[in-house]
Amino acid sequence: MEKLTIQEQEAMLSIWQLNGGFVKEILDNLKTEKPPYTTLASTIKNLEKKGYVKPVRYANAKRYEPIISEEDYKAKFMNSFVDDYFKNSYKEMVSFFVKEEKLSAKELEEIIAMIKKG
């Protein structure tokens, strides 16, 4: 699975929230600064080429629907992220966030409880 650019990720977040949409709907739903319509249309075309969305024709318009779920993308992205930056060690990743004071002892206890619950 090819990595997404920031613009592609933003477009995909909007597509996932809408469960698909026309370019105008996706544009209106963006939470960030809205790019020009043609820029977003090009970004969505790239997502189609990368296999993230599929076009469904309605008369002379195309509605873009996600092929990959948000959960699947997150799982693949996180696995790749941990592999690239933390030598495939989730322990090293957690250690990094603790050192950076991004994760508190209370949050760690909650994570341990979640792990014990399964």
Protein backbone atom coordinates (compact mmCIF):
# COMPACT_ATOMS: atom_id res chain seq x y z
CA MET A 1 0.00 0.00 0.00
CA GLU A 2 1.46 3.31 -1.10
CA LYS A 3 1.83 6.00 1.56
CA LEU A 4 -0.45 9.01 1.35
CA THR A 5 0.60 12.65 1.19
CA ILE A 6 -0.83 15.05 3.75
CA GLN A 7 -3.37 16.32 1.20
CA GLU A 8 -4.37 12.75 0.33
CA GLN A 9 -4.78 11.87 4.02
CA GLU A 10 -7.02 14.90 4.56
CA ALA A 11 -9.14 13.95 1.54
CA MET A 12 -9.38 10.34 2.74
CA LEU A 13 -10.48 11.45 6.22
CA SER A 14 -13.30 13.41 4.60
CA ILE A 15 -14.22 10.47 2.34
CA TRP A 16 -14.27 8.07 5.30
CA GLN A 17 -16.44 10.45 7.35
CA LEU A 18 -18.91 10.75 4.48
CA ASN A 19 -18.60 7.09 3.47
CA GLY A 20 -17.94 8.39 -0.03
CA GLY A 21 -19.00 11.50 -1.87
CA PHE A 22 -18.78 13.77 -4.86
CA VAL A 23 -15.77 16.12 -5.02
CA LYS A 24 -17.93 19.08 -3.89
CA GLU A 25 -19.23 17.14 -0.85
CA ILE A 26 -15.70 16.03 0.06
CA LEU A 27 -14.47 19.62 -0.30
CA ASP A 28 -17.28 20.99 1.91
CA ASN A 29 -16.51 18.36 4.56
CA LEU A 30 -12.75 19.08 4.81
CA LYS A 31 -11.74 20.20 8.30
CA THR A 32 -8.55 21.94 7.14
CA GLU A 33 -8.05 24.90 4.84
CA LYS A 34 -10.01 24.11 1.68
CA PRO A 35 -7.92 23.75 -1.49
CA PRO A 36 -9.29 24.80 -4.88
CA TYR A 37 -11.85 22.35 -6.32
CA THR A 38 -9.50 21.31 -9.14
CA THR A 39 -6.67 20.60 -6.68
CA LEU A 40 -8.91 18.34 -4.62
CA ALA A 41 -10.17 16.63 -7.78
CA SER A 42 -6.54 15.88 -8.74
CA THR A 43 -5.81 14.60 -5.24
CA ILE A 44 -8.81 12.26 -5.45
CA LYS A 45 -7.63 11.03 -8.86
CA ASN A 46 -4.29 10.16 -7.22
CA LEU A 47 -6.17 8.28 -4.49
CA GLU A 48 -7.96 6.35 -7.23
CA LYS A 49 -4.64 5.47 -8.92
CA LYS A 50 -3.22 4.33 -5.57
CA GLY A 51 -6.24 2.09 -4.98
CA TYR A 52 -7.78 3.92 -2.03
CA VAL A 53 -11.05 4.99 -3.71
CA LYS A 54 -13.20 3.86 -6.60
CA PRO A 55 -15.39 6.08 -8.76
CA VAL A 56 -19.08 5.25 -9.12
CA ARG A 57 -20.72 7.00 -12.05
CA TYR A 58 -23.98 8.89 -11.51
CA ALA A 59 -25.14 10.35 -14.85
CA ASN A 60 -22.16 12.51 -15.86
CA ALA A 61 -20.67 12.82 -12.35
CA LYS A 62 -18.47 10.51 -10.29
CA ARG A 63 -18.98 9.71 -6.63
CA TYR A 64 -15.85 8.42 -4.91
CA GLU A 65 -16.19 5.58 -2.43
CA PRO A 66 -13.45 4.25 -0.14
CA ILE A 67 -11.97 0.86 -1.02
CA ILE A 68 -9.85 0.70 2.14
CA SER A 69 -11.40 1.26 5.56
CA GLU A 70 -9.99 3.85 7.92
CA GLU A 71 -9.16 1.09 10.42
CA ASP A 72 -7.18 -0.91 7.82
CA TYR A 73 -5.26 2.21 6.82
CA LYS A 74 -4.46 3.09 10.45
CA ALA A 75 -3.23 -0.44 11.14
CA LYS A 76 -0.95 -0.48 8.07
CA PHE A 77 0.25 3.07 8.70
CA MET A 78 1.06 2.39 12.36
CA ASN A 79 2.87 -0.86 11.58
CA SER A 80 4.96 0.94 8.99
CA PHE A 81 5.55 3.89 11.33
CA VAL A 82 6.72 1.67 14.20
CA ASP A 83 8.92 -0.32 11.83
CA ASP A 84 10.49 2.80 10.25
CA TYR A 85 11.07 4.86 13.40
CA PHE A 86 11.22 2.42 16.32
CA LYS A 87 12.93 -0.68 14.86
CA ASN A 88 9.59 -2.51 14.89
CA SER A 89 9.42 -2.21 18.69
CA TYR A 90 6.23 -0.91 20.29
CA LYS A 91 8.11 -0.86 23.59
CA GLU A 92 10.59 1.65 22.10
CA MET A 93 7.69 3.71 20.78
CA VAL A 94 6.01 3.86 24.20
CA SER A 95 9.36 4.65 25.82
CA PHE A 96 9.83 7.55 23.39
CA PHE A 97 6.44 9.03 24.27
CA VAL A 98 7.13 8.66 28.00
CA LYS A 99 10.49 10.44 27.64
CA GLU A 100 8.84 13.22 25.63
CA GLU A 101 6.23 13.54 28.40
CA LYS A 102 3.43 12.76 25.96
CA LEU A 103 2.27 9.78 28.01
CA SER A 104 1.57 9.91 31.74
CA ALA A 105 1.83 7.16 34.36
CA LYS A 106 -1.98 7.13 34.62
CA GLU A 107 -2.30 6.66 30.85
CA LEU A 108 0.26 3.84 30.99
CA GLU A 109 -1.76 2.16 33.73
CA GLU A 110 -4.88 2.44 31.54
CA ILE A 111 -2.97 0.88 28.62
CA ILE A 112 -1.78 -1.98 30.84
CA ALA A 113 -5.36 -2.56 31.99
CA MET A 114 -6.50 -2.66 28.34
CA ILE A 115 -3.77 -5.19 27.52
CA LYS A 116 -4.77 -7.40 30.46
CA LYS A 117 -8.42 -7.28 29.37
CA GLY A 118 -7.44 -8.36 25.86
